[in-house]
C-alpha cells in the first residue's frame, strides 16, 4: 500500500469517526439536580471574598460591586 493511500485511508477513518453522536440521556439511577438560587450554592471553588454563601443580601452587594468594577464611566 502506498503512503498516499494509507494517508487517505487514515484521514477517511478520522473524518468518519468525527461524524458520530453520543447519546445524551440521563444514566439509570442518575440524580437530577434541581435549580437553586445562585446565592445558596456553597460548593463552588471560586467564592469571592466578602460574599457569605446563603445570604442573598451579600450576594446582591457582591454582584453590584462586580458590575461597577466593570463600568468604565463609574467614579473610582
PDB file of N, CA and C in Angstrom:
ATOM      1  N   UNK A   1       0.851  -1.173   0.000  1.00  0.00           N
ATOM      2  CA  UNK A   1       0.000   0.000   0.000  1.00  0.00           C
ATOM      3  C   UNK A   1       0.897   1.236   0.000  1.00  0.00           C
ATOM      4  N   UNK A   2       0.617   2.177  -0.870  1.00  0.00           N
ATOM      5  CA  UNK A   2       1.449   3.373  -0.988  1.00  0.00           C
ATOM      6  C   UNK A   2       1.161   4.315   0.183  1.00  0.00           C
ATOM      7  N   UNK A   3       2.115   5.172   0.525  1.00  0.00           N
ATOM      8  CA  UNK A   3       1.909   6.122   1.624  1.00  0.00           C
ATOM      9  C   UNK A   3       0.728   7.061   1.374  1.00  0.00           C
ATOM     10  N   UNK A   4       0.485   7.412   0.138  1.00  0.00           N
ATOM     11  CA  UNK A   4      -0.635   8.305  -0.162  1.00  0.00           C
ATOM     12  C   UNK A   4      -1.968   7.621   0.129  1.00  0.00           C
ATOM     13  N   UNK A   5      -2.090   6.359  -0.253  1.00  0.00           N
ATOM     14  CA  UNK A   5      -3.336   5.628   0.025  1.00  0.00           C
ATOM     15  C   UNK A   5      -3.528   5.419   1.519  1.00  0.00           C
ATOM     16  N   UNK A   6      -2.422   5.159   2.212  1.00  0.00           N
ATOM     17  CA  UNK A   6      -2.504   4.980   3.661  1.00  0.00           C
ATOM     18  C   UNK A   6      -2.967   6.264   4.332  1.00  0.00           C
ATOM     19  N   UNK A   7      -2.450   7.395   3.871  1.00  0.00           N
ATOM     20  CA  UNK A   7      -2.854   8.696   4.421  1.00  0.00           C
ATOM     21  C   UNK A   7      -4.334   8.965   4.157  1.00  0.00           C
ATOM     22  N   UNK A   8      -4.781   8.703   2.934  1.00  0.00           N
ATOM     23  CA  UNK A   8      -6.191   8.919   2.588  1.00  0.00           C
ATOM     24  C   UNK A   8      -7.084   8.007   3.412  1.00  0.00           C
ATOM     25  N   UNK A   9      -6.688   6.765   3.618  1.00  0.00           N
ATOM     26  CA  UNK A   9      -7.482   5.836   4.425  1.00  0.00           C
ATOM     27  C   UNK A   9      -7.548   6.304   5.873  1.00  0.00           C
ATOM     28  N   UNK A  10      -6.421   6.750   6.416  1.00  0.00           N
ATOM     29  CA  UNK A  10      -6.409   7.232   7.797  1.00  0.00           C
ATOM     30  C   UNK A  10      -7.260   8.492   7.937  1.00  0.00           C
ATOM     31  N   UNK A  11      -7.162   9.397   6.975  1.00  0.00           N
ATOM     32  CA  UNK A  11      -7.959  10.625   7.025  1.00  0.00           C
ATOM     33  C   UNK A  11      -9.447  10.307   6.924  1.00  0.00           C
ATOM     34  N   UNK A  12      -9.802   9.323   6.122  1.00  0.00           N
ATOM     35  CA  UNK A  12     -11.207   8.928   5.988  1.00  0.00           C
ATOM     36  C   UNK A  12     -11.732   8.343   7.291  1.00  0.00           C
ATOM     37  N   UNK A  13     -10.936   7.529   7.947  1.00  0.00           N
ATOM     38  CA  UNK A  13     -11.351   6.944   9.228  1.00  0.00           C
ATOM     39  C   UNK A  13     -11.543   8.032  10.276  1.00  0.00           C
ATOM     40  N   UNK A  14     -10.620   8.977  10.333  1.00  0.00           N
ATOM     41  CA  UNK A  14     -10.739  10.069  11.312  1.00  0.00           C
ATOM     42  C   UNK A  14     -11.964  10.921  11.005  1.00  0.00           C
ATOM     43  N   UNK A  15     -12.200  11.230   9.744  1.00  0.00           N
ATOM     44  CA  UNK A  15     -13.351  12.056   9.376  1.00  0.00           C
ATOM     45  C   UNK A  15     -14.664  11.354   9.699  1.00  0.00           C
ATOM     46  N   UNK A  16     -14.753  10.071   9.442  1.00  0.00           N
ATOM     47  CA  UNK A  16     -15.987   9.341   9.746  1.00  0.00           C
ATOM     48  C   UNK A  16     -16.184   9.168  11.244  1.00  0.00           C
ATOM     49  N   UNK A  17     -15.107   9.063  11.996  1.00  0.00           N
ATOM     50  CA  UNK A  17     -15.241   8.935  13.447  1.00  0.00           C
ATOM     51  C   UNK A  17     -15.778  10.219  14.061  1.00  0.00           C
ATOM     52  N   UNK A  18     -15.495  11.348  13.447  1.00  0.00           N
ATOM     53  CA  UNK A  18     -15.971  12.628  13.969  1.00  0.00           C
ATOM     54  C   UNK A  18     -17.447  12.854  13.703  1.00  0.00           C
ATOM     55  N   UNK A  19     -18.044  12.053  12.850  1.00  0.00           N
ATOM     56  CA  UNK A  19     -19.452  12.236  12.496  1.00  0.00           C
ATOM     57  C   UNK A  19     -20.406  11.576  13.490  1.00  0.00           C
ATOM     58  N   UNK A  20     -19.898  10.805  14.426  1.00  0.00           N
ATOM     59  CA  UNK A  20     -20.764  10.105  15.363  1.00  0.00           C
ATOM     60  C   UNK A  20     -21.348  11.033  16.409  1.00  0.00           C
ATOM     61  N   UNK A  21     -22.428  10.609  17.019  1.00  0.00           N
ATOM     62  CA  UNK A  21     -23.049  11.380  18.080  1.00  0.00           C
ATOM     63  C   UNK A  21     -23.326  10.464  19.257  1.00  0.00           C
ATOM     64  N   UNK A  22     -22.930  10.888  20.420  1.00  0.00           N
ATOM     65  CA  UNK A  22     -23.156  10.091  21.628  1.00  0.00           C
ATOM     66  C   UNK A  22     -24.563  10.345  22.161  1.00  0.00           C
ATOM     67  N   UNK A  23     -25.089   9.360  22.845  1.00  0.00           N
ATOM     68  CA  UNK A  23     -26.399   9.521  23.473  1.00  0.00           C
ATOM     69  C   UNK A  23     -26.289  10.525  24.613  1.00  0.00           C
ATOM     70  N   UNK A  24     -27.272  11.382  24.738  1.00  0.00           N
ATOM     71  CA  UNK A  24     -27.258  12.428  25.759  1.00  0.00           C
ATOM     72  C   UNK A  24     -28.371  12.230  26.778  1.00  0.00           C
ATOM     73  N   UNK A  25     -28.665  10.984  27.092  1.00  0.00           N
ATOM     74  CA  UNK A  25     -29.723  10.689  28.045  1.00  0.00           C
ATOM     75  C   UNK A  25     -29.147  10.568  29.445  1.00  0.00           C
ATOM     76  N   UNK A  26     -30.010  10.704  30.414  1.00  0.00           N
ATOM     77  CA  UNK A  26     -29.619  10.589  31.817  1.00  0.00           C
ATOM     78  C   UNK A  26     -29.335   9.126  32.125  1.00  0.00           C
ATOM     79  N   UNK A  27     -28.206   8.813  32.756  1.00  0.00           N
ATOM     80  CA  UNK A  27     -27.942   7.413  33.088  1.00  0.00           C
ATOM     81  C   UNK A  27     -28.959   6.888  34.107  1.00  0.00           C
ATOM     82  N   UNK A  28     -29.159   5.590  34.086  1.00  0.00           N
ATOM     83  CA  UNK A  28     -30.111   4.974  35.009  1.00  0.00           C
ATOM     84  C   UNK A  28     -29.636   5.217  36.437  1.00  0.00           C
ATOM     85  N   UNK A  29     -30.506   5.721  37.266  1.00  0.00           N
ATOM     86  CA  UNK A  29     -30.157   6.000  38.650  1.00  0.00           C
ATOM     87  C   UNK A  29     -29.457   7.334  38.835  1.00  0.00           C
ATOM     88  N   UNK A  30     -29.282   8.077  37.757  1.00  0.00           N
ATOM     89  CA  UNK A  30     -28.631   9.384  37.846  1.00  0.00           C
ATOM     90  C   UNK A  30     -29.536  10.383  38.533  1.00  0.00           C
ATOM     91  N   UNK A  31     -28.974  11.165  39.400  1.00  0.00           N
ATOM     92  CA  UNK A  31     -29.759  12.137  40.153  1.00  0.00           C
ATOM     93  C   UNK A  31     -29.860  13.437  39.372  1.00  0.00           C
ATOM     94  N   UNK A  32     -31.049  13.979  39.298  1.00  0.00           N
ATOM     95  CA  UNK A  32     -31.247  15.275  38.668  1.00  0.00           C
ATOM     96  C   UNK A  32     -31.030  16.341  39.737  1.00  0.00           C
ATOM     97  N   UNK A  33     -30.306  17.374  39.374  1.00  0.00           N
ATOM     98  CA  UNK A  33     -30.058  18.457  40.315  1.00  0.00           C
ATOM     99  C   UNK A  33     -31.066  19.565  40.055  1.00  0.00           C
ATOM    100  N   UNK A  34     -31.828  19.894  41.059  1.00  0.00           N
ATOM    101  CA  UNK A  34     -32.804  20.962  40.933  1.00  0.00           C
ATOM    102  C   UNK A  34     -32.081  22.305  40.915  1.00  0.00           C
ATOM    103  N   UNK A  35     -32.648  23.244  40.211  1.00  0.00           N
ATOM    104  CA  UNK A  35     -32.058  24.582  40.178  1.00  0.00           C
ATOM    105  C   UNK A  35     -32.179  25.219  41.548  1.00  0.00           C
ATOM    106  N   UNK A  36     -31.116  25.901  41.927  1.00  0.00           N
ATOM    107  CA  UNK A  36     -31.100  26.618  43.196  1.00  0.00           C
ATOM    108  C   UNK A  36     -30.787  28.077  42.906  1.00  0.00           C
ATOM    109  N   UNK A  37     -31.225  28.959  43.761  1.00  0.00           N
ATOM    110  CA  UNK A  37     -30.804  30.345  43.595  1.00  0.00           C
ATOM    111  C   UNK A  37     -29.283  30.442  43.714  1.00  0.00           C
ATOM    112  N   UNK A  38     -28.694  31.359  42.990  1.00  0.00           N
ATOM    113  CA  UNK A  38     -27.235  31.457  42.920  1.00  0.00           C
ATOM    114  C   UNK A  38     -26.597  31.728  44.279  1.00  0.00           C
ATOM    115  N   UNK A  39     -27.264  32.456  45.145  1.00  0.00           N
ATOM    116  CA  UNK A  39     -26.666  32.785  46.439  1.00  0.00           C
ATOM    117  C   UNK A  39     -26.695  31.625  47.425  1.00  0.00           C
ATOM    118  N   UNK A  40     -27.361  30.523  47.103  1.00  0.00           N
ATOM    119  CA  UNK A  40     -27.412  29.386  48.010  1.00  0.00           C
ATOM    120  C   UNK A  40     -26.390  28.310  47.672  1.00  0.00           C
ATOM    121  N   UNK A  41     -25.676  28.447  46.560  1.00  0.00           N
ATOM    122  CA  UNK A  41     -24.688  27.446  46.175  1.00  0.00           C
ATOM    123  C   UNK A  41     -23.439  27.640  47.019  1.00  0.00           C
ATOM    124  N   UNK A  42     -23.045  26.591  47.734  1.00  0.00           N
ATOM    125  CA  UNK A  42     -21.907  26.712  48.650  1.00  0.00           C
ATOM    126  C   UNK A  42     -20.726  25.844  48.251  1.00  0.00           C
ATOM    127  N   UNK A  43     -20.871  24.975  47.257  1.00  0.00           N
ATOM    128  CA  UNK A  43     -19.782  24.072  46.915  1.00  0.00           C
ATOM    129  C   UNK A  43     -18.922  24.584  45.763  1.00  0.00           C
ATOM    130  N   UNK A  44     -18.949  25.856  45.506  1.00  0.00           N
ATOM    131  CA  UNK A  44     -18.177  26.443  44.428  1.00  0.00           C
ATOM    132  C   UNK A  44     -16.753  26.723  44.909  1.00  0.00           C
ATOM    133  N   UNK A  45     -15.765  26.348  44.117  1.00  0.00           N
ATOM    134  CA  UNK A  45     -14.371  26.578  44.481  1.00  0.00           C
ATOM    135  C   UNK A  45     -13.900  27.985  44.191  1.00  0.00           C
ATOM    136  N   UNK A  46     -14.743  28.831  43.639  1.00  0.00           N
ATOM    137  CA  UNK A  46     -14.352  30.184  43.260  1.00  0.00           C
ATOM    138  C   UNK A  46     -15.178  31.219  44.006  1.00  0.00           C
ATOM    139  N   UNK A  47     -15.243  31.112  45.304  1.00  0.00           N
ATOM    140  CA  UNK A  47     -16.023  32.058  46.086  1.00  0.00           C
ATOM    141  C   UNK A  47     -15.289  33.388  46.175  1.00  0.00           C
ATOM    142  N   UNK A  48     -16.015  34.465  45.970  1.00  0.00           N
ATOM    143  CA  UNK A  48     -15.425  35.801  46.037  1.00  0.00           C
ATOM    144  C   UNK A  48     -15.306  36.231  47.497  1.00  0.00           C
ATOM    145  N   UNK A  49     -14.234  36.941  47.834  1.00  0.00           N
ATOM    146  CA  UNK A  49     -14.115  37.434  49.207  1.00  0.00           C
ATOM    147  C   UNK A  49     -15.204  38.478  49.485  1.00  0.00           C
ATOM    148  N   UNK A  50     -15.755  38.444  50.651  1.00  0.00           N
ATOM    149  CA  UNK A  50     -16.811  39.362  51.026  1.00  0.00           C
ATOM    150  C   UNK A  50     -18.207  38.833  50.796  1.00  0.00           C
ATOM    151  N   UNK A  51     -18.304  37.642  50.232  1.00  0.00           N
ATOM    152  CA  UNK A  51     -19.611  37.049  49.997  1.00  0.00           C
ATOM    153  C   UNK A  51     -19.830  35.912  50.969  1.00  0.00           C
ATOM    154  N   UNK A  52     -20.970  35.913  51.644  1.00  0.00           N
ATOM    155  CA  UNK A  52     -21.334  34.865  52.579  1.00  0.00           C
ATOM    156  C   UNK A  52     -22.292  33.919  51.887  1.00  0.00           C
ATOM    157  N   UNK A  53     -21.910  32.643  51.679  1.00  0.00           N
ATOM    158  CA  UNK A  53     -22.819  31.706  50.997  1.00  0.00           C
ATOM    159  C   UNK A  53     -24.148  31.583  51.739  1.00  0.00           C
ATOM    160  N   UNK A  54     -25.237  31.638  51.003  1.00  0.00           N
ATOM    161  CA  UNK A  54     -26.564  31.513  51.583  1.00  0.00           C
ATOM    162  C   UNK A  54     -27.201  32.840  51.945  1.00  0.00           C
ATOM    163  N   UNK A  55     -26.481  33.956  51.810  1.00  0.00           N
ATOM    164  CA  UNK A  55     -27.001  35.263  52.180  1.00  0.00           C
ATOM    165  C   UNK A  55     -27.305  36.048  50.907  1.00  0.00           C
ATOM    166  N   UNK A  56     -28.577  36.280  50.644  1.00  0.00           N
ATOM    167  CA  UNK A  56     -28.976  36.951  49.412  1.00  0.00           C
ATOM    168  C   UNK A  56     -28.505  38.398  49.372  1.00  0.00           C
ATOM    169  N   UNK A  57     -28.517  39.079  50.506  1.00  0.00           N
ATOM    170  CA  UNK A  57     -28.107  40.488  50.527  1.00  0.00           C
ATOM    171  C   UNK A  57     -26.627  40.634  50.187  1.00  0.00           C
ATOM    172  N   UNK A  58     -25.776  39.758  50.725  1.00  0.00           N
ATOM    173  CA  UNK A  58     -24.346  39.852  50.399  1.00  0.00           C
ATOM    174  C   UNK A  58     -24.093  39.449  48.954  1.00  0.00           C
ATOM    175  N   UNK A  59     -24.908  38.525  48.417  1.00  0.00           N
ATOM    176  CA  UNK A  59     -24.783  38.147  47.001  1.00  0.00           C
ATOM    177  C   UNK A  59     -25.097  39.359  46.112  1.00  0.00           C
ATOM    178  N   UNK A  60     -26.207  40.050  46.401  1.00  0.00           N
ATOM    179  CA  UNK A  60     -26.574  41.213  45.606  1.00  0.00           C
ATOM    180  C   UNK A  60     -25.529  42.316  45.713  1.00  0.00           C
ATOM    181  N   UNK A  61     -24.979  42.525  46.903  1.00  0.00           N
ATOM    182  CA  UNK A  61     -23.935  43.539  47.070  1.00  0.00           C
ATOM    183  C   UNK A  61     -22.686  43.163  46.274  1.00  0.00           C
ATOM    184  N   UNK A  62     -22.310  41.905  46.289  1.00  0.00           N
ATOM    185  CA  UNK A  62     -21.137  41.454  45.543  1.00  0.00           C
ATOM    186  C   UNK A  62     -21.354  41.602  44.043  1.00  0.00           C
ATOM    187  N   UNK A  63     -22.535  41.265  43.555  1.00  0.00           N
ATOM    188  CA  UNK A  63     -22.821  41.401  42.129  1.00  0.00           C
ATOM    189  C   UNK A  63     -22.831  42.858  41.697  1.00  0.00           C
ATOM    190  N   UNK A  64     -23.353  43.729  42.542  1.00  0.00           N
ATOM    191  CA  UNK A  64     -23.360  45.163  42.230  1.00  0.00           C
ATOM    192  C   UNK A  64     -21.928  45.712  42.213  1.00  0.00           C
ATOM    193  N   UNK A  65     -21.096  45.246  43.146  1.00  0.00           N
ATOM    194  CA  UNK A  65     -19.695  45.677  43.187  1.00  0.00           C
ATOM    195  C   UNK A  65     -18.960  45.216  41.929  1.00  0.00           C
ATOM    196  N   UNK A  66     -19.213  43.975  41.493  1.00  0.00           N
ATOM    197  CA  UNK A  66     -18.579  43.474  40.268  1.00  0.00           C
ATOM    198  C   UNK A  66     -19.006  44.282  39.056  1.00  0.00           C
ATOM    199  N   UNK A  67     -20.299  44.587  38.974  1.00  0.00           N
ATOM    200  CA  UNK A  67     -20.803  45.340  37.829  1.00  0.00           C
ATOM    201  C   UNK A  67     -20.196  46.738  37.793  1.00  0.00           C
ATOM    202  N   UNK A  68     -20.060  47.382  38.944  1.00  0.00           N
ATOM    203  CA  UNK A  68     -19.477  48.720  38.975  1.00  0.00           C
ATOM    204  C   UNK A  68     -17.982  48.692  38.691  1.00  0.00           C
ATOM    205  N   UNK A  69     -17.319  47.592  39.001  1.00  0.00           N
ATOM    206  CA  UNK A  69     -15.894  47.470  38.697  1.00  0.00           C
ATOM    207  C   UNK A  69     -15.664  47.355  37.198  1.00  0.00           C
ATOM    208  N   UNK A  70     -16.656  46.906  36.446  1.00  0.00           N
ATOM    209  CA  UNK A  70     -16.533  46.767  35.006  1.00  0.00           C
ATOM    210  C   UNK A  70     -17.063  47.987  34.258  1.00  0.00           C
ATOM    211  N   UNK A  71     -17.620  48.941  34.971  1.00  0.00           N
ATOM    212  CA  UNK A  71     -18.176  50.148  34.363  1.00  0.00           C
ATOM    213  C   UNK A  71     -17.042  51.150  34.166  1.00  0.00           C
ATOM    214  N   UNK A  72     -16.743  51.488  32.910  1.00  0.00           N
ATOM    215  CA  UNK A  72     -15.653  52.412  32.620  1.00  0.00           C
ATOM    216  C   UNK A  72     -15.989  53.843  33.018  1.00  0.00           C
ATOM    217  N   UNK A  73     -17.256  54.168  33.160  1.00  0.00           N
ATOM    218  CA  UNK A  73     -17.641  55.522  33.457  1.00  0.00           C
ATOM    219  C   UNK A  73     -17.926  55.767  34.932  1.00  0.00           C
ATOM    220  N   UNK A  74     -17.825  54.750  35.761  1.00  0.00           N
ATOM    221  CA  UNK A  74     -18.085  54.903  37.190  1.00  0.00           C
ATOM    222  C   UNK A  74     -16.902  55.596  37.853  1.00  0.00           C
ATOM    223  N   UNK A  75     -17.156  56.507  38.783  1.00  0.00           N
ATOM    224  CA  UNK A  75     -16.045  57.133  39.504  1.00  0.00           C
ATOM    225  C   UNK A  75     -15.333  56.098  40.384  1.00  0.00           C
ATOM    226  N   UNK A  76     -14.050  56.213  40.471  1.00  0.00           N
ATOM    227  CA  UNK A  76     -13.289  55.259  41.287  1.00  0.00           C
ATOM    228  C   UNK A  76     -12.724  55.911  42.495  1.00  0.00           C
TER     229      UNK A  76
END
